[in-house]
């Protein structure tokens, strides 16, 4: 199991990647939801799509651990 830390505190890398993917997905979905509420601001759609696209690329390293 890959971890980072010393004897007092250890972080599991798979859990860290899972949290990163989950938070990126939630952030992207919330931005797209905000864009649906206010379609006059296209930056929200681009920003939300960027989060979801980046989230897709964050998922790939998790599979190789």
PDB file of N, CA and C in Angstrom:
ATOM      1  N   UNK A   1       0.842  -1.165   0.000  1.00  0.00           N
ATOM      2  CA  UNK A   1       0.000   0.000   0.000  1.00  0.00           C
ATOM      3  C   UNK A   1       0.898   1.243   0.000  1.00  0.00           C
ATOM      4  N   UNK A   2       0.821   2.081  -1.048  1.00  0.00           N
ATOM      5  CA  UNK A   2       1.665   3.276  -1.066  1.00  0.00           C
ATOM      6  C   UNK A   2       1.151   4.342  -0.106  1.00  0.00           C
ATOM      7  N   UNK A   3       2.031   4.814   0.736  1.00  0.00           N
ATOM      8  CA  UNK A   3       1.676   5.855   1.699  1.00  0.00           C
ATOM      9  C   UNK A   3       2.766   6.915   1.727  1.00  0.00           C
ATOM     10  N   UNK A   4       2.392   8.067   2.256  1.00  0.00           N
ATOM     11  CA  UNK A   4       3.338   9.154   2.478  1.00  0.00           C
ATOM     12  C   UNK A   4       3.281   9.477   3.957  1.00  0.00           C
ATOM     13  N   UNK A   5       4.421   9.576   4.593  1.00  0.00           N
ATOM     14  CA  UNK A   5       4.402   9.971   5.994  1.00  0.00           C
ATOM     15  C   UNK A   5       5.476   9.285   6.808  1.00  0.00           C
ATOM     16  N   UNK A   6       5.417   9.559   8.089  1.00  0.00           N
ATOM     17  CA  UNK A   6       6.356   8.939   9.011  1.00  0.00           C
ATOM     18  C   UNK A   6       5.561   8.096  10.010  1.00  0.00           C
ATOM     19  N   UNK A   7       6.149   7.796  11.133  1.00  0.00           N
ATOM     20  CA  UNK A   7       5.499   6.916  12.099  1.00  0.00           C
ATOM     21  C   UNK A   7       4.271   7.549  12.751  1.00  0.00           C
ATOM     22  N   UNK A   8       4.159   8.886  12.729  1.00  0.00           N
ATOM     23  CA  UNK A   8       3.058   9.542  13.411  1.00  0.00           C
ATOM     24  C   UNK A   8       1.821   9.733  12.532  1.00  0.00           C
ATOM     25  N   UNK A   9       2.043   9.894  11.228  1.00  0.00           N
ATOM     26  CA  UNK A   9       0.919  10.226  10.355  1.00  0.00           C
ATOM     27  C   UNK A   9       1.188   9.661   8.969  1.00  0.00           C
ATOM     28  N   UNK A  10       0.220   8.964   8.388  1.00  0.00           N
ATOM     29  CA  UNK A  10       0.379   8.380   7.053  1.00  0.00           C
ATOM     30  C   UNK A  10      -0.843   8.721   6.205  1.00  0.00           C
ATOM     31  N   UNK A  11      -0.595   9.012   4.942  1.00  0.00           N
ATOM     32  CA  UNK A  11      -1.670   9.322   4.003  1.00  0.00           C
ATOM     33  C   UNK A  11      -1.681   8.238   2.937  1.00  0.00           C
ATOM     34  N   UNK A  12      -2.801   7.598   2.745  1.00  0.00           N
ATOM     35  CA  UNK A  12      -2.951   6.596   1.709  1.00  0.00           C
ATOM     36  C   UNK A  12      -3.166   7.309   0.370  1.00  0.00           C
ATOM     37  N   UNK A  13      -2.329   7.014  -0.618  1.00  0.00           N
ATOM     38  CA  UNK A  13      -2.390   7.719  -1.891  1.00  0.00           C
ATOM     39  C   UNK A  13      -3.668   7.406  -2.675  1.00  0.00           C
ATOM     40  N   UNK A  14      -4.160   6.190  -2.593  1.00  0.00           N
ATOM     41  CA  UNK A  14      -5.395   5.859  -3.298  1.00  0.00           C
ATOM     42  C   UNK A  14      -6.573   6.641  -2.738  1.00  0.00           C
ATOM     43  N   UNK A  15      -6.623   6.814  -1.440  1.00  0.00           N
ATOM     44  CA  UNK A  15      -7.684   7.606  -0.824  1.00  0.00           C
ATOM     45  C   UNK A  15      -7.550   9.070  -1.219  1.00  0.00           C
ATOM     46  N   UNK A  16      -6.326   9.567  -1.260  1.00  0.00           N
ATOM     47  CA  UNK A  16      -6.092  10.947  -1.661  1.00  0.00           C
ATOM     48  C   UNK A  16      -6.550  11.192  -3.098  1.00  0.00           C
ATOM     49  N   UNK A  17      -6.243  10.277  -4.011  1.00  0.00           N
ATOM     50  CA  UNK A  17      -6.709  10.409  -5.387  1.00  0.00           C
ATOM     51  C   UNK A  17      -8.227  10.312  -5.476  1.00  0.00           C
ATOM     52  N   UNK A  18      -8.847   9.444  -4.689  1.00  0.00           N
ATOM     53  CA  UNK A  18     -10.303   9.311  -4.705  1.00  0.00           C
ATOM     54  C   UNK A  18     -10.968  10.604  -4.245  1.00  0.00           C
ATOM     55  N   UNK A  19     -10.421  11.226  -3.225  1.00  0.00           N
ATOM     56  CA  UNK A  19     -10.962  12.502  -2.740  1.00  0.00           C
ATOM     57  C   UNK A  19     -10.777  13.584  -3.797  1.00  0.00           C
ATOM     58  N   UNK A  20      -9.630  13.611  -4.453  1.00  0.00           N
ATOM     59  CA  UNK A  20      -9.371  14.585  -5.506  1.00  0.00           C
ATOM     60  C   UNK A  20     -10.365  14.443  -6.653  1.00  0.00           C
ATOM     61  N   UNK A  21     -10.619  13.221  -7.086  1.00  0.00           N
ATOM     62  CA  UNK A  21     -11.558  12.974  -8.182  1.00  0.00           C
ATOM     63  C   UNK A  21     -12.970  13.367  -7.765  1.00  0.00           C
ATOM     64  N   UNK A  22     -13.372  13.006  -6.567  1.00  0.00           N
ATOM     65  CA  UNK A  22     -14.718  13.315  -6.094  1.00  0.00           C
ATOM     66  C   UNK A  22     -14.940  14.822  -5.994  1.00  0.00           C
ATOM     67  N   UNK A  23     -13.988  15.539  -5.405  1.00  0.00           N
ATOM     68  CA  UNK A  23     -14.149  16.987  -5.254  1.00  0.00           C
ATOM     69  C   UNK A  23     -14.127  17.708  -6.592  1.00  0.00           C
ATOM     70  N   UNK A  24     -13.312  17.257  -7.520  1.00  0.00           N
ATOM     71  CA  UNK A  24     -13.298  17.868  -8.850  1.00  0.00           C
ATOM     72  C   UNK A  24     -14.615  17.636  -9.570  1.00  0.00           C
ATOM     73  N   UNK A  25     -15.162  16.445  -9.451  1.00  0.00           N
ATOM     74  CA  UNK A  25     -16.438  16.149 -10.103  1.00  0.00           C
ATOM     75  C   UNK A  25     -17.570  16.980  -9.500  1.00  0.00           C
ATOM     76  N   UNK A  26     -17.622  17.078  -8.198  1.00  0.00           N
ATOM     77  CA  UNK A  26     -18.662  17.876  -7.542  1.00  0.00           C
ATOM     78  C   UNK A  26     -18.527  19.347  -7.913  1.00  0.00           C
ATOM     79  N   UNK A  27     -17.292  19.858  -7.934  1.00  0.00           N
ATOM     80  CA  UNK A  27     -17.070  21.248  -8.318  1.00  0.00           C
ATOM     81  C   UNK A  27     -17.514  21.524  -9.743  1.00  0.00           C
ATOM     82  N   UNK A  28     -17.176  20.631 -10.664  1.00  0.00           N
ATOM     83  CA  UNK A  28     -17.590  20.795 -12.052  1.00  0.00           C
ATOM     84  C   UNK A  28     -19.093  20.738 -12.218  1.00  0.00           C
ATOM     85  N   UNK A  29     -19.732  19.819 -11.524  1.00  0.00           N
ATOM     86  CA  UNK A  29     -21.194  19.714 -11.617  1.00  0.00           C
ATOM     87  C   UNK A  29     -21.884  20.935 -11.013  1.00  0.00           C
ATOM     88  N   UNK A  30     -21.354  21.449  -9.922  1.00  0.00           N
ATOM     89  CA  UNK A  30     -21.942  22.659  -9.335  1.00  0.00           C
ATOM     90  C   UNK A  30     -21.785  23.868 -10.249  1.00  0.00           C
ATOM     91  N   UNK A  31     -20.636  23.983 -10.909  1.00  0.00           N
ATOM     92  CA  UNK A  31     -20.455  25.086 -11.850  1.00  0.00           C
ATOM     93  C   UNK A  31     -21.382  24.962 -13.041  1.00  0.00           C
ATOM     94  N   UNK A  32     -21.591  23.748 -13.547  1.00  0.00           N
ATOM     95  CA  UNK A  32     -22.541  23.564 -14.645  1.00  0.00           C
ATOM     96  C   UNK A  32     -23.970  23.848 -14.197  1.00  0.00           C
ATOM     97  N   UNK A  33     -24.292  23.494 -12.978  1.00  0.00           N
ATOM     98  CA  UNK A  33     -25.621  23.803 -12.452  1.00  0.00           C
ATOM     99  C   UNK A  33     -25.821  25.321 -12.343  1.00  0.00           C
ATOM    100  N   UNK A  34     -24.792  26.027 -11.886  1.00  0.00           N
ATOM    101  CA  UNK A  34     -24.878  27.494 -11.812  1.00  0.00           C
ATOM    102  C   UNK A  34     -25.036  28.095 -13.200  1.00  0.00           C
ATOM    103  N   UNK A  35     -24.355  27.513 -14.180  1.00  0.00           N
ATOM    104  CA  UNK A  35     -24.496  28.004 -15.547  1.00  0.00           C
ATOM    105  C   UNK A  35     -25.917  27.774 -16.068  1.00  0.00           C
ATOM    106  N   UNK A  36     -26.516  26.646 -15.698  1.00  0.00           N
ATOM    107  CA  UNK A  36     -27.893  26.380 -16.129  1.00  0.00           C
ATOM    108  C   UNK A  36     -28.861  27.379 -15.518  1.00  0.00           C
ATOM    109  N   UNK A  37     -28.548  27.885 -14.337  1.00  0.00           N
ATOM    110  CA  UNK A  37     -29.395  28.878 -13.699  1.00  0.00           C
ATOM    111  C   UNK A  37     -29.222  30.259 -14.332  1.00  0.00           C
ATOM    112  N   UNK A  38     -28.032  30.541 -14.844  1.00  0.00           N
ATOM    113  CA  UNK A  38     -27.730  31.847 -15.427  1.00  0.00           C
ATOM    114  C   UNK A  38     -26.969  31.624 -16.734  1.00  0.00           C
ATOM    115  N   UNK A  39     -27.689  31.460 -17.823  1.00  0.00           N
ATOM    116  CA  UNK A  39     -27.074  31.143 -19.116  1.00  0.00           C
ATOM    117  C   UNK A  39     -26.376  32.346 -19.748  1.00  0.00           C
ATOM    118  N   UNK A  40     -26.469  33.500 -19.144  1.00  0.00           N
ATOM    119  CA  UNK A  40     -25.811  34.690 -19.681  1.00  0.00           C
ATOM    120  C   UNK A  40     -24.323  34.719 -19.357  1.00  0.00           C
ATOM    121  N   UNK A  41     -23.856  33.783 -18.554  1.00  0.00           N
ATOM    122  CA  UNK A  41     -22.444  33.733 -18.160  1.00  0.00           C
ATOM    123  C   UNK A  41     -21.828  32.443 -18.702  1.00  0.00           C
ATOM    124  N   UNK A  42     -21.297  32.476 -19.919  1.00  0.00           N
ATOM    125  CA  UNK A  42     -20.737  31.240 -20.491  1.00  0.00           C
ATOM    126  C   UNK A  42     -19.459  30.777 -19.805  1.00  0.00           C
ATOM    127  N   UNK A  43     -18.812  31.671 -19.053  1.00  0.00           N
ATOM    128  CA  UNK A  43     -17.582  31.278 -18.363  1.00  0.00           C
ATOM    129  C   UNK A  43     -17.850  30.146 -17.363  1.00  0.00           C
ATOM    130  N   UNK A  44     -19.038  30.120 -16.770  1.00  0.00           N
ATOM    131  CA  UNK A  44     -19.366  29.048 -15.827  1.00  0.00           C
ATOM    132  C   UNK A  44     -19.386  27.691 -16.522  1.00  0.00           C
ATOM    133  N   UNK A  45     -19.902  27.661 -17.750  1.00  0.00           N
ATOM    134  CA  UNK A  45     -19.941  26.406 -18.503  1.00  0.00           C
ATOM    135  C   UNK A  45     -18.531  25.952 -18.863  1.00  0.00           C
ATOM    136  N   UNK A  46     -17.686  26.891 -19.300  1.00  0.00           N
ATOM    137  CA  UNK A  46     -16.311  26.528 -19.638  1.00  0.00           C
ATOM    138  C   UNK A  46     -15.550  26.058 -18.406  1.00  0.00           C
ATOM    139  N   UNK A  47     -15.744  26.752 -17.306  1.00  0.00           N
ATOM    140  CA  UNK A  47     -15.054  26.412 -16.072  1.00  0.00           C
ATOM    141  C   UNK A  47     -15.512  25.036 -15.563  1.00  0.00           C
ATOM    142  N   UNK A  48     -16.824  24.804 -15.567  1.00  0.00           N
ATOM    143  CA  UNK A  48     -17.347  23.507 -15.129  1.00  0.00           C
ATOM    144  C   UNK A  48     -16.895  22.376 -16.032  1.00  0.00           C
ATOM    145  N   UNK A  49     -16.892  22.620 -17.341  1.00  0.00           N
ATOM    146  CA  UNK A  49     -16.422  21.596 -18.278  1.00  0.00           C
ATOM    147  C   UNK A  49     -14.940  21.311 -18.074  1.00  0.00           C
ATOM    148  N   UNK A  50     -14.177  22.356 -17.787  1.00  0.00           N
ATOM    149  CA  UNK A  50     -12.755  22.167 -17.513  1.00  0.00           C
ATOM    150  C   UNK A  50     -12.518  21.326 -16.275  1.00  0.00           C
ATOM    151  N   UNK A  51     -13.312  21.554 -15.249  1.00  0.00           N
ATOM    152  CA  UNK A  51     -13.187  20.747 -14.030  1.00  0.00           C
ATOM    153  C   UNK A  51     -13.489  19.282 -14.333  1.00  0.00           C
ATOM    154  N   UNK A  52     -14.557  19.033 -15.095  1.00  0.00           N
ATOM    155  CA  UNK A  52     -14.915  17.649 -15.395  1.00  0.00           C
ATOM    156  C   UNK A  52     -13.887  16.989 -16.304  1.00  0.00           C
ATOM    157  N   UNK A  53     -13.326  17.762 -17.241  1.00  0.00           N
ATOM    158  CA  UNK A  53     -12.296  17.218 -18.113  1.00  0.00           C
ATOM    159  C   UNK A  53     -11.030  16.909 -17.311  1.00  0.00           C
ATOM    160  N   UNK A  54     -10.639  17.804 -16.430  1.00  0.00           N
ATOM    161  CA  UNK A  54      -9.471  17.558 -15.575  1.00  0.00           C
ATOM    162  C   UNK A  54      -9.731  16.379 -14.641  1.00  0.00           C
ATOM    163  N   UNK A  55     -10.969  16.238 -14.200  1.00  0.00           N
ATOM    164  CA  UNK A  55     -11.334  15.124 -13.336  1.00  0.00           C
ATOM    165  C   UNK A  55     -11.154  13.802 -14.065  1.00  0.00           C
ATOM    166  N   UNK A  56     -11.457  13.787 -15.328  1.00  0.00           N
ATOM    167  CA  UNK A  56     -11.298  12.571 -16.116  1.00  0.00           C
ATOM    168  C   UNK A  56      -9.827  12.160 -16.190  1.00  0.00           C
ATOM    169  N   UNK A  57      -8.927  13.151 -16.294  1.00  0.00           N
ATOM    170  CA  UNK A  57      -7.504  12.841 -16.352  1.00  0.00           C
ATOM    171  C   UNK A  57      -6.938  12.507 -14.977  1.00  0.00           C
ATOM    172  N   UNK A  58      -7.596  12.936 -13.908  1.00  0.00           N
ATOM    173  CA  UNK A  58      -7.137  12.580 -12.562  1.00  0.00           C
ATOM    174  C   UNK A  58      -7.472  11.135 -12.235  1.00  0.00           C
ATOM    175  N   UNK A  59      -8.476  10.584 -12.892  1.00  0.00           N
ATOM    176  CA  UNK A  59      -8.872   9.213 -12.602  1.00  0.00           C
ATOM    177  C   UNK A  59      -7.836   8.208 -13.083  1.00  0.00           C
ATOM    178  N   UNK A  60      -7.114   8.520 -14.141  1.00  0.00           N
ATOM    179  CA  UNK A  60      -6.209   7.530 -14.727  1.00  0.00           C
ATOM    180  C   UNK A  60      -5.043   7.121 -13.834  1.00  0.00           C
ATOM    181  N   UNK A  61      -4.361   8.033 -13.090  1.00  0.00           N
ATOM    182  CA  UNK A  61      -3.266   7.549 -12.232  1.00  0.00           C
ATOM    183  C   UNK A  61      -3.748   6.638 -11.111  1.00  0.00           C
ATOM    184  N   UNK A  62      -4.982   6.784 -10.684  1.00  0.00           N
ATOM    185  CA  UNK A  62      -5.504   5.972  -9.593  1.00  0.00           C
ATOM    186  C   UNK A  62      -5.555   4.500 -10.017  1.00  0.00           C
ATOM    187  N   UNK A  63      -5.796   4.225 -11.282  1.00  0.00           N
ATOM    188  CA  UNK A  63      -5.903   2.857 -11.723  1.00  0.00           C
ATOM    189  C   UNK A  63      -4.559   2.144 -11.740  1.00  0.00           C
ATOM    190  N   UNK A  64      -3.463   2.875 -11.802  1.00  0.00           N
ATOM    191  CA  UNK A  64      -2.142   2.264 -11.912  1.00  0.00           C
ATOM    192  C   UNK A  64      -1.422   2.119 -10.576  1.00  0.00           C
ATOM    193  N   UNK A  65      -2.056   2.514  -9.475  1.00  0.00           N
ATOM    194  CA  UNK A  65      -1.374   2.389  -8.175  1.00  0.00           C
ATOM    195  C   UNK A  65      -1.390   0.982  -7.656  1.00  0.00           C
TER     196      UNK A  65
END
